[in-house]
Amino acid sequence: MAPLEVLAHRIAWSVVLLAILLGANRGWGKVAAALTTRSILLTLCVTAVLISSNWFVFVLSVDHGQVLQASLGYFINPLISVLLGVLFLGERLRPLQIASVALAVAGVLILTYHLGSPPWISLVLGITFGLYGLLRKILPVDSLTGLSVETIILFPAASGYLLYLGATGRGAFSSSAVADAVLLPMSGVITVIPLLFFSASARRVRLATVGFMQYLTPTIHFLLAVLAFGESFTRAHLASFACIWVGLALYSIDTAHGIFTGRSRVPRT
């Protein structure tokens, strides 16, 4: 199945699930308000482009057997989140946190050198999701409303493409196995739920903290690439993995110490 068709299904089925959630939470009024507020609508158009680009490149990386590059992209993403938080939100890093960022940079550079060429998949994934997180943090809409508007913006193009594939007999529901047709609607669930949680957390905690928690994603990608998809795991990957997780440990220790000593306060919703 072509990556573009997978992307279209992700968008279409996400709209279906979000419509159900909006109905259950009486959230259609907030969606209407966002759609009629010029500044919010324009910002959500930008975030819609960013997140759909991220989805497409990720699906493309899996389709082309480049899950390790996708993993590198999501290792780069937290570093971009830290940089954006410092540049645009006035966030500051303490010395131990700076050391952790330096270790993470070293880990990413090792992987980049190992690839032997500019990792465009990694760069696109890291930059698009980093910018998406920044814009969603400063946007005055809740996660459910924001994601709903984003997918509504993308829905006409996605549904039109799927209708075209169906009319020409090339769509998944007309030519693929029954199992594929059953799995495709699940793409909406695995798209919507994590993004709702991400958008909600991005507005409640420091962007740097959000960034470092996202190291869980590329770690899982590493495991999938090596254990499930058979991609090679070299010494360079091991060295990079070690640098990044030592950096994450330092950052976590410093953050926990700040909370216990009163330097930092846990954000309240």
C-alpha atoms as a PDB file:
ATOM      1  CA  MET A   1       0.000   0.000   0.000  1.00  0.00           C
ATOM      2  CA  ALA A   2       1.434   3.372  -0.995  1.00  0.00           C
ATOM      3  CA  PRO A   3       2.465   5.718   1.867  1.00  0.00           C
ATOM      4  CA  LEU A   4       0.171   8.474   0.563  1.00  0.00           C
ATOM      5  CA  GLU A   5      -2.842   6.158   0.804  1.00  0.00           C
ATOM      6  CA  VAL A   6      -1.879   5.209   4.362  1.00  0.00           C
ATOM      7  CA  LEU A   7      -1.649   8.915   5.214  1.00  0.00           C
ATOM      8  CA  ALA A   8      -5.092   9.573   3.716  1.00  0.00           C
ATOM      9  CA  HIS A   9      -6.587   6.765   5.803  1.00  0.00           C
ATOM     10  CA  ARG A  10      -4.925   8.087   8.959  1.00  0.00           C
ATOM     11  CA  ILE A  11      -6.529  11.478   8.389  1.00  0.00           C
ATOM     12  CA  ALA A  12      -9.967  10.175   7.395  1.00  0.00           C
ATOM     13  CA  TRP A  13     -10.320   7.710  10.269  1.00  0.00           C
ATOM     14  CA  SER A  14      -8.949  10.264  12.715  1.00  0.00           C
ATOM     15  CA  VAL A  15     -11.810  12.583  11.750  1.00  0.00           C
ATOM     16  CA  VAL A  16     -14.295   9.795  12.445  1.00  0.00           C
ATOM     17  CA  LEU A  17     -12.905   9.108  15.922  1.00  0.00           C
ATOM     18  CA  LEU A  18     -12.575  12.789  16.769  1.00  0.00           C
ATOM     19  CA  ALA A  19     -16.176  13.420  15.713  1.00  0.00           C
ATOM     20  CA  ILE A  20     -17.285  10.762  18.207  1.00  0.00           C
ATOM     21  CA  LEU A  21     -15.140  12.284  20.974  1.00  0.00           C
ATOM     22  CA  LEU A  22     -16.421  15.786  20.218  1.00  0.00           C
ATOM     23  CA  GLY A  23     -20.002  14.568  20.394  1.00  0.00           C
ATOM     24  CA  ALA A  24     -19.387  12.833  23.714  1.00  0.00           C
ATOM     25  CA  ASN A  25     -17.699  15.940  25.180  1.00  0.00           C
ATOM     26  CA  ARG A  26     -20.017  18.514  23.570  1.00  0.00           C
ATOM     27  CA  GLY A  27     -16.993  20.053  21.903  1.00  0.00           C
ATOM     28  CA  TRP A  28     -18.403  21.095  18.537  1.00  0.00           C
ATOM     29  CA  GLY A  29     -18.954  24.640  19.790  1.00  0.00           C
ATOM     30  CA  LYS A  30     -15.239  25.048  20.503  1.00  0.00           C
ATOM     31  CA  VAL A  31     -14.417  23.690  17.043  1.00  0.00           C
ATOM     32  CA  ALA A  32     -16.775  26.210  15.447  1.00  0.00           C
ATOM     33  CA  ALA A  33     -15.192  29.021  17.463  1.00  0.00           C
ATOM     34  CA  ALA A  34     -11.696  27.987  16.364  1.00  0.00           C
ATOM     35  CA  LEU A  35     -12.751  27.771  12.725  1.00  0.00           C
ATOM     36  CA  THR A  36     -14.200  31.290  12.838  1.00  0.00           C
ATOM     37  CA  THR A  37     -11.288  32.922  14.681  1.00  0.00           C
ATOM     38  CA  ARG A  38      -8.829  34.045  12.034  1.00  0.00           C
ATOM     39  CA  SER A  39      -5.592  33.914  14.053  1.00  0.00           C
ATOM     40  CA  ILE A  40      -6.354  30.482  15.506  1.00  0.00           C
ATOM     41  CA  LEU A  41      -7.477  29.063  12.161  1.00  0.00           C
ATOM     42  CA  LEU A  42      -4.332  30.285  10.374  1.00  0.00           C
ATOM     43  CA  THR A  43      -2.091  28.802  13.060  1.00  0.00           C
ATOM     44  CA  LEU A  44      -3.941  25.494  12.913  1.00  0.00           C
ATOM     45  CA  CYS A  45      -3.533  25.458   9.135  1.00  0.00           C
ATOM     46  CA  VAL A  46       0.228  25.647   9.699  1.00  0.00           C
ATOM     47  CA  THR A  47       0.179  22.920  12.345  1.00  0.00           C
ATOM     48  CA  ALA A  48      -1.988  20.763  10.062  1.00  0.00           C
ATOM     49  CA  VAL A  49       0.660  20.995   7.345  1.00  0.00           C
ATOM     50  CA  LEU A  50       3.427  20.249   9.840  1.00  0.00           C
ATOM     51  CA  ILE A  51       1.790  17.188  11.370  1.00  0.00           C
ATOM     52  CA  SER A  52       0.618  15.724   8.065  1.00  0.00           C
ATOM     53  CA  SER A  53       4.130  16.132   6.653  1.00  0.00           C
ATOM     54  CA  ASN A  54       5.488  14.369   9.715  1.00  0.00           C
ATOM     55  CA  TRP A  55       3.007  11.502   9.320  1.00  0.00           C
ATOM     56  CA  PHE A  56       3.799  11.081   5.631  1.00  0.00           C
ATOM     57  CA  VAL A  57       7.583  11.027   6.030  1.00  0.00           C
ATOM     58  CA  PHE A  58       7.301   8.570   8.911  1.00  0.00           C
ATOM     59  CA  VAL A  59       5.115   6.192   6.900  1.00  0.00           C
ATOM     60  CA  LEU A  60       7.529   6.618   3.987  1.00  0.00           C
ATOM     61  CA  SER A  61      10.492   5.697   6.194  1.00  0.00           C
ATOM     62  CA  VAL A  62       8.784   2.497   7.342  1.00  0.00           C
ATOM     63  CA  ASP A  63       7.774   1.632   3.783  1.00  0.00           C
ATOM     64  CA  HIS A  64      11.378   2.050   2.588  1.00  0.00           C
ATOM     65  CA  GLY A  65      12.976   0.125   5.459  1.00  0.00           C
ATOM     66  CA  GLN A  66      14.457   3.242   7.113  1.00  0.00           C
ATOM     67  CA  VAL A  67      13.092   2.892  10.630  1.00  0.00           C
ATOM     68  CA  LEU A  68      16.518   3.642  12.127  1.00  0.00           C
ATOM     69  CA  GLN A  69      16.494   6.971  10.280  1.00  0.00           C
ATOM     70  CA  ALA A  70      13.046   7.623  11.715  1.00  0.00           C
ATOM     71  CA  SER A  71      14.460   6.824  15.117  1.00  0.00           C
ATOM     72  CA  LEU A  72      17.259   9.335  14.576  1.00  0.00           C
ATOM     73  CA  GLY A  73      14.652  11.912  13.603  1.00  0.00           C
ATOM     74  CA  TYR A  74      12.845  11.522  16.898  1.00  0.00           C
ATOM     75  CA  PHE A  75      16.149  11.679  18.769  1.00  0.00           C
ATOM     76  CA  ILE A  76      16.818  15.011  17.037  1.00  0.00           C
ATOM     77  CA  ASN A  77      13.314  16.269  17.806  1.00  0.00           C
ATOM     78  CA  PRO A  78      13.797  16.759  21.582  1.00  0.00           C
ATOM     79  CA  LEU A  79      16.942  18.775  20.905  1.00  0.00           C
ATOM     80  CA  ILE A  80      14.944  20.984  18.563  1.00  0.00           C
ATOM     81  CA  SER A  81      12.237  21.312  21.241  1.00  0.00           C
ATOM     82  CA  VAL A  82      14.870  22.431  23.755  1.00  0.00           C
ATOM     83  CA  LEU A  83      16.246  24.989  21.284  1.00  0.00           C
ATOM     84  CA  LEU A  84      12.790  26.337  20.451  1.00  0.00           C
ATOM     85  CA  GLY A  85      11.914  26.571  24.137  1.00  0.00           C
ATOM     86  CA  VAL A  86      15.036  28.641  24.820  1.00  0.00           C
ATOM     87  CA  LEU A  87      14.642  30.881  21.761  1.00  0.00           C
ATOM     88  CA  PHE A  88      10.907  31.589  21.851  1.00  0.00           C
ATOM     89  CA  LEU A  89       9.590  30.763  25.332  1.00  0.00           C
ATOM     90  CA  GLY A  90      12.365  32.112  27.532  1.00  0.00           C
ATOM     91  CA  GLU A  91      13.143  28.703  29.046  1.00  0.00           C
ATOM     92  CA  ARG A  92      16.555  28.258  30.651  1.00  0.00           C
ATOM     93  CA  LEU A  93      18.657  25.158  31.190  1.00  0.00           C
ATOM     94  CA  ARG A  94      20.773  24.581  34.306  1.00  0.00           C
ATOM     95  CA  PRO A  95      24.403  23.361  34.011  1.00  0.00           C
ATOM     96  CA  LEU A  96      23.595  19.675  34.441  1.00  0.00           C
ATOM     97  CA  GLN A  97      20.823  19.975  31.898  1.00  0.00           C
ATOM     98  CA  ILE A  98      23.221  21.626  29.443  1.00  0.00           C
ATOM     99  CA  ALA A  99      25.563  18.660  29.906  1.00  0.00           C
ATOM    100  CA  SER A 100      22.703  16.292  29.151  1.00  0.00           C
ATOM    101  CA  VAL A 101      21.915  18.186  25.945  1.00  0.00           C
ATOM    102  CA  ALA A 102      25.573  17.997  24.926  1.00  0.00           C
ATOM    103  CA  LEU A 103      25.562  14.219  25.407  1.00  0.00           C
ATOM    104  CA  ALA A 104      22.388  13.905  23.372  1.00  0.00           C
ATOM    105  CA  VAL A 105      23.936  16.006  20.593  1.00  0.00           C
ATOM    106  CA  ALA A 106      26.969  13.712  20.626  1.00  0.00           C
ATOM    107  CA  GLY A 107      24.703  10.694  20.286  1.00  0.00           C
ATOM    108  CA  VAL A 108      22.844  12.206  17.351  1.00  0.00           C
ATOM    109  CA  LEU A 109      26.109  13.189  15.634  1.00  0.00           C
ATOM    110  CA  ILE A 110      27.412   9.638  15.936  1.00  0.00           C
ATOM    111  CA  LEU A 111      24.329   8.308  14.199  1.00  0.00           C
ATOM    112  CA  THR A 112      24.471  11.024  11.560  1.00  0.00           C
ATOM    113  CA  TYR A 113      28.103  10.193  10.781  1.00  0.00           C
ATOM    114  CA  HIS A 114      27.281   6.504  10.657  1.00  0.00           C
ATOM    115  CA  LEU A 115      24.616   7.059   7.998  1.00  0.00           C
ATOM    116  CA  GLY A 116      27.213   8.502   5.650  1.00  0.00           C
ATOM    117  CA  SER A 117      24.825  10.982   4.011  1.00  0.00           C
ATOM    118  CA  PRO A 118      22.489  13.806   5.070  1.00  0.00           C
ATOM    119  CA  PRO A 119      19.623  12.094   6.940  1.00  0.00           C
ATOM    120  CA  TRP A 120      16.774  14.022   5.303  1.00  0.00           C
ATOM    121  CA  ILE A 121      14.129  11.717   6.761  1.00  0.00           C
ATOM    122  CA  SER A 122      15.485  12.341  10.244  1.00  0.00           C
ATOM    123  CA  LEU A 123      15.726  16.104   9.757  1.00  0.00           C
ATOM    124  CA  VAL A 124      12.187  16.458   8.401  1.00  0.00           C
ATOM    125  CA  LEU A 125      10.719  14.363  11.214  1.00  0.00           C
ATOM    126  CA  GLY A 126      12.598  16.242  13.923  1.00  0.00           C
ATOM    127  CA  ILE A 127      11.957  19.747  12.611  1.00  0.00           C
ATOM    128  CA  THR A 128       8.271  19.312  11.732  1.00  0.00           C
ATOM    129  CA  PHE A 129       7.339  17.766  15.082  1.00  0.00           C
ATOM    130  CA  GLY A 130       9.451  20.263  17.025  1.00  0.00           C
ATOM    131  CA  LEU A 131       7.698  23.203  15.367  1.00  0.00           C
ATOM    132  CA  TYR A 132       4.343  21.479  15.809  1.00  0.00           C
ATOM    133  CA  GLY A 133       4.955  21.157  19.544  1.00  0.00           C
ATOM    134  CA  LEU A 134       5.959  24.819  19.853  1.00  0.00           C
ATOM    135  CA  LEU A 135       2.890  26.141  18.033  1.00  0.00           C
ATOM    136  CA  ARG A 136       0.501  23.856  19.892  1.00  0.00           C
ATOM    137  CA  LYS A 137       1.994  24.951  23.208  1.00  0.00           C
ATOM    138  CA  ILE A 138       1.309  28.641  22.593  1.00  0.00           C
ATOM    139  CA  LEU A 139      -2.042  28.191  20.842  1.00  0.00           C
ATOM    140  CA  PRO A 140      -5.019  28.991  23.135  1.00  0.00           C
ATOM    141  CA  VAL A 141      -7.075  25.885  22.276  1.00  0.00           C
ATOM    142  CA  ASP A 142      -7.357  22.552  24.046  1.00  0.00           C
ATOM    143  CA  SER A 143      -5.850  19.421  22.532  1.00  0.00           C
ATOM    144  CA  LEU A 144      -9.123  17.857  21.347  1.00  0.00           C
ATOM    145  CA  THR A 145     -10.305  21.036  19.645  1.00  0.00           C
ATOM    146  CA  GLY A 146      -6.956  21.739  18.014  1.00  0.00           C
ATOM    147  CA  LEU A 147      -6.468  18.245  16.642  1.00  0.00           C
ATOM    148  CA  SER A 148     -10.065  18.155  15.416  1.00  0.00           C
ATOM    149  CA  VAL A 149      -9.643  21.384  13.456  1.00  0.00           C
ATOM    150  CA  GLU A 150      -6.331  20.177  12.005  1.00  0.00           C
ATOM    151  CA  THR A 151      -7.840  16.957  10.719  1.00  0.00           C
ATOM    152  CA  ILE A 152     -10.940  18.775   9.429  1.00  0.00           C
ATOM    153  CA  ILE A 153      -8.634  21.030   7.415  1.00  0.00           C
ATOM    154  CA  LEU A 154      -6.884  17.972   5.953  1.00  0.00           C
ATOM    155  CA  PHE A 155     -10.028  15.877   5.478  1.00  0.00           C
ATOM    156  CA  PRO A 156     -11.220  17.179   2.065  1.00  0.00           C
ATOM    157  CA  ALA A 157      -7.919  16.317   0.355  1.00  0.00           C
ATOM    158  CA  ALA A 158      -7.633  12.956   2.138  1.00  0.00           C
ATOM    159  CA  SER A 159     -11.197  11.857   1.455  1.00  0.00           C
ATOM    160  CA  GLY A 160     -11.044  13.070  -2.134  1.00  0.00           C
ATOM    161  CA  TYR A 161      -7.911  11.001  -2.742  1.00  0.00           C
ATOM    162  CA  LEU A 162      -9.474   7.904  -1.194  1.00  0.00           C
ATOM    163  CA  LEU A 163     -12.622   8.329  -3.293  1.00  0.00           C
ATOM    164  CA  TYR A 164     -10.458   8.610  -6.393  1.00  0.00           C
ATOM    165  CA  LEU A 165      -8.592   5.399  -5.517  1.00  0.00           C
ATOM    166  CA  GLY A 166     -11.874   3.627  -4.877  1.00  0.00           C
ATOM    167  CA  ALA A 167     -13.403   4.804  -8.148  1.00  0.00           C
ATOM    168  CA  THR A 168     -10.382   3.558 -10.105  1.00  0.00           C
ATOM    169  CA  GLY A 169     -10.288   0.215  -8.277  1.00  0.00           C
ATOM    170  CA  ARG A 170      -6.912   0.882  -6.670  1.00  0.00           C
ATOM    171  CA  GLY A 171      -8.017   1.546  -3.110  1.00  0.00           C
ATOM    172  CA  ALA A 172      -7.202  -0.706  -0.179  1.00  0.00           C
ATOM    173  CA  PHE A 173     -10.820  -1.634   0.467  1.00  0.00           C
ATOM    174  CA  SER A 174     -11.283  -2.828  -3.101  1.00  0.00           C
ATOM    175  CA  SER A 175      -7.969  -4.564  -3.756  1.00  0.00           C
ATOM    176  CA  SER A 176      -6.240  -5.430  -0.460  1.00  0.00           C
ATOM    177  CA  ALA A 177      -6.707  -8.304   1.922  1.00  0.00           C
ATOM    178  CA  VAL A 178      -9.564  -8.146   4.394  1.00  0.00           C
ATOM    179  CA  ALA A 179      -7.069  -7.873   7.258  1.00  0.00           C
ATOM    180  CA  ASP A 180      -5.627  -4.673   5.764  1.00  0.00           C
ATOM    181  CA  ALA A 181      -9.069  -3.150   5.412  1.00  0.00           C
ATOM    182  CA  VAL A 182      -9.749  -3.936   9.076  1.00  0.00           C
ATOM    183  CA  LEU A 183      -6.421  -2.538  10.264  1.00  0.00           C
ATOM    184  CA  LEU A 184      -6.717   0.740   8.381  1.00  0.00           C
ATOM    185  CA  PRO A 185      -9.476   2.189  10.612  1.00  0.00           C
ATOM    186  CA  MET A 186      -7.213   1.472  13.588  1.00  0.00           C
ATOM    187  CA  SER A 187      -4.763   3.990  12.132  1.00  0.00           C
ATOM    188  CA  GLY A 188      -7.169   6.670  13.327  1.00  0.00           C
ATOM    189  CA  VAL A 189      -7.020   5.404  16.903  1.00  0.00           C
ATOM    190  CA  ILE A 190      -3.228   5.153  17.028  1.00  0.00           C
ATOM    191  CA  THR A 191      -3.014   8.627  15.490  1.00  0.00           C
ATOM    192  CA  VAL A 192      -5.518  10.486  17.655  1.00  0.00           C
ATOM    193  CA  ILE A 193      -4.898   9.166  21.181  1.00  0.00           C
ATOM    194  CA  PRO A 194      -1.130   9.852  21.383  1.00  0.00           C
ATOM    195  CA  LEU A 195      -1.508  13.286  19.789  1.00  0.00           C
ATOM    196  CA  LEU A 196      -4.254  14.276  22.223  1.00  0.00           C
ATOM    197  CA  PHE A 197      -1.989  13.357  25.111  1.00  0.00           C
ATOM    198  CA  PHE A 198       0.981  15.128  23.496  1.00  0.00           C
ATOM    199  CA  SER A 199      -0.923  18.361  22.875  1.00  0.00           C
ATOM    200  CA  ALA A 200      -2.312  18.339  26.405  1.00  0.00           C
ATOM    201  CA  SER A 201       1.119  17.800  27.965  1.00  0.00           C
ATOM    202  CA  ALA A 202       2.801  20.409  25.737  1.00  0.00           C
ATOM    203  CA  ARG A 203       0.610  23.099  27.308  1.00  0.00           C
ATOM    204  CA  ARG A 204       1.233  21.950  30.898  1.00  0.00           C
ATOM    205  CA  VAL A 205       4.987  21.382  31.214  1.00  0.00           C
ATOM    206  CA  ARG A 206       8.194  22.991  29.992  1.00  0.00           C
ATOM    207  CA  LEU A 207       8.922  22.294  26.337  1.00  0.00           C
ATOM    208  CA  ALA A 208      12.385  20.990  27.237  1.00  0.00           C
ATOM    209  CA  THR A 209      10.824  18.383  29.527  1.00  0.00           C
ATOM    210  CA  VAL A 210       8.372  17.367  26.816  1.00  0.00           C
ATOM    211  CA  GLY A 211      11.291  17.023  24.434  1.00  0.00           C
ATOM    212  CA  PHE A 212      13.303  14.690  26.623  1.00  0.00           C
ATOM    213  CA  MET A 213      10.319  12.489  27.446  1.00  0.00           C
ATOM    214  CA  GLN A 214      10.011  11.935  23.718  1.00  0.00           C
ATOM    215  CA  TYR A 215      13.185   9.845  23.765  1.00  0.00           C
ATOM    216  CA  LEU A 216      10.868   6.946  24.548  1.00  0.00           C
ATOM    217  CA  THR A 217       9.594   7.053  20.954  1.00  0.00           C
ATOM    218  CA  PRO A 218      12.939   6.617  19.141  1.00  0.00           C
ATOM    219  CA  THR A 219      13.984   3.955  21.638  1.00  0.00           C
ATOM    220  CA  ILE A 220      10.938   1.908  20.662  1.00  0.00           C
ATOM    221  CA  HIS A 221      11.731   2.616  17.012  1.00  0.00           C
ATOM    222  CA  PHE A 222      15.222   1.232  17.552  1.00  0.00           C
ATOM    223  CA  LEU A 223      13.826  -1.966  19.024  1.00  0.00           C
ATOM    224  CA  LEU A 224      11.334  -2.370  16.198  1.00  0.00           C
ATOM    225  CA  ALA A 225      13.964  -1.702  13.540  1.00  0.00           C
ATOM    226  CA  VAL A 226      16.359  -4.296  14.930  1.00  0.00           C
ATOM    227  CA  LEU A 227      14.068  -6.945  16.403  1.00  0.00           C
ATOM    228  CA  ALA A 228      11.044  -6.777  14.114  1.00  0.00           C
ATOM    229  CA  PHE A 229      12.367  -5.454  10.786  1.00  0.00           C
ATOM    230  CA  GLY A 230      15.885  -6.871  10.804  1.00  0.00           C
ATOM    231  CA  GLU A 231      17.806  -3.617  10.279  1.00  0.00           C
ATOM    232  CA  SER A 232      21.461  -3.825  11.361  1.00  0.00           C
ATOM    233  CA  PHE A 233      22.426  -2.511  14.796  1.00  0.00           C
ATOM    234  CA  THR A 234      26.088  -1.477  14.731  1.00  0.00           C
ATOM    235  CA  ARG A 235      28.579  -0.284  17.312  1.00  0.00           C
ATOM    236  CA  ALA A 236      27.820   3.257  16.192  1.00  0.00           C
ATOM    237  CA  HIS A 237      24.166   2.749  17.091  1.00  0.00           C
ATOM    238  CA  LEU A 238      25.178   1.351  20.469  1.00  0.00           C
ATOM    239  CA  ALA A 239      27.462   4.310  21.181  1.00  0.00           C
ATOM    240  CA  SER A 240      24.764   6.768  20.181  1.00  0.00           C
ATOM    241  CA  PHE A 241      22.156   4.992  22.268  1.00  0.00           C
ATOM    242  CA  ALA A 242      24.442   5.104  25.324  1.00  0.00           C
ATOM    243  CA  CYS A 243      25.180   8.838  24.957  1.00  0.00           C
ATOM    244  CA  ILE A 244      21.544   9.767  24.597  1.00  0.00           C
ATOM    245  CA  TRP A 245      20.314   7.731  27.548  1.00  0.00           C
ATOM    246  CA  VAL A 246      23.086   9.005  29.830  1.00  0.00           C
ATOM    247  CA  GLY A 247      22.017  12.499  28.844  1.00  0.00           C
ATOM    248  CA  LEU A 248      18.396  11.679  29.589  1.00  0.00           C
ATOM    249  CA  ALA A 249      19.375  10.256  32.986  1.00  0.00           C
ATOM    250  CA  LEU A 250      21.261  13.456  33.877  1.00  0.00           C
ATOM    251  CA  TYR A 251      18.344  15.626  32.810  1.00  0.00           C
ATOM    252  CA  SER A 252      15.853  13.510  34.772  1.00  0.00           C
ATOM    253  CA  ILE A 253      18.009  13.587  37.911  1.00  0.00           C
ATOM    254  CA  ASP A 254      18.368  17.358  37.704  1.00  0.00           C
ATOM    255  CA  THR A 255      14.646  17.847  37.131  1.00  0.00           C
ATOM    256  CA  ALA A 256      13.723  15.572  40.049  1.00  0.00           C
ATOM    257  CA  HIS A 257      16.202  17.366  42.309  1.00  0.00           C
ATOM    258  CA  GLY A 258      14.704  20.707  41.333  1.00  0.00           C
ATOM    259  CA  ILE A 259      11.205  19.530  42.251  1.00  0.00           C
ATOM    260  CA  PHE A 260      12.247  18.088  45.613  1.00  0.00           C
ATOM    261  CA  THR A 261      14.288  21.168  46.571  1.00  0.00           C
ATOM    262  CA  GLY A 262      11.634  23.615  45.430  1.00  0.00           C
ATOM    263  CA  ARG A 263      13.570  25.067  42.468  1.00  0.00           C
ATOM    264  CA  SER A 264      10.867  23.783  40.138  1.00  0.00           C
ATOM    265  CA  ARG A 265       7.182  23.321  40.655  1.00  0.00           C
ATOM    266  CA  VAL A 266       5.041  20.696  39.071  1.00  0.00           C
ATOM    267  CA  PRO A 267       2.635  22.464  36.677  1.00  0.00           C
ATOM    268  CA  ARG A 268      -1.037  22.262  37.567  1.00  0.00           C
ATOM    269  CA  THR A 269      -3.822  21.815  35.037  1.00  0.00           C
END
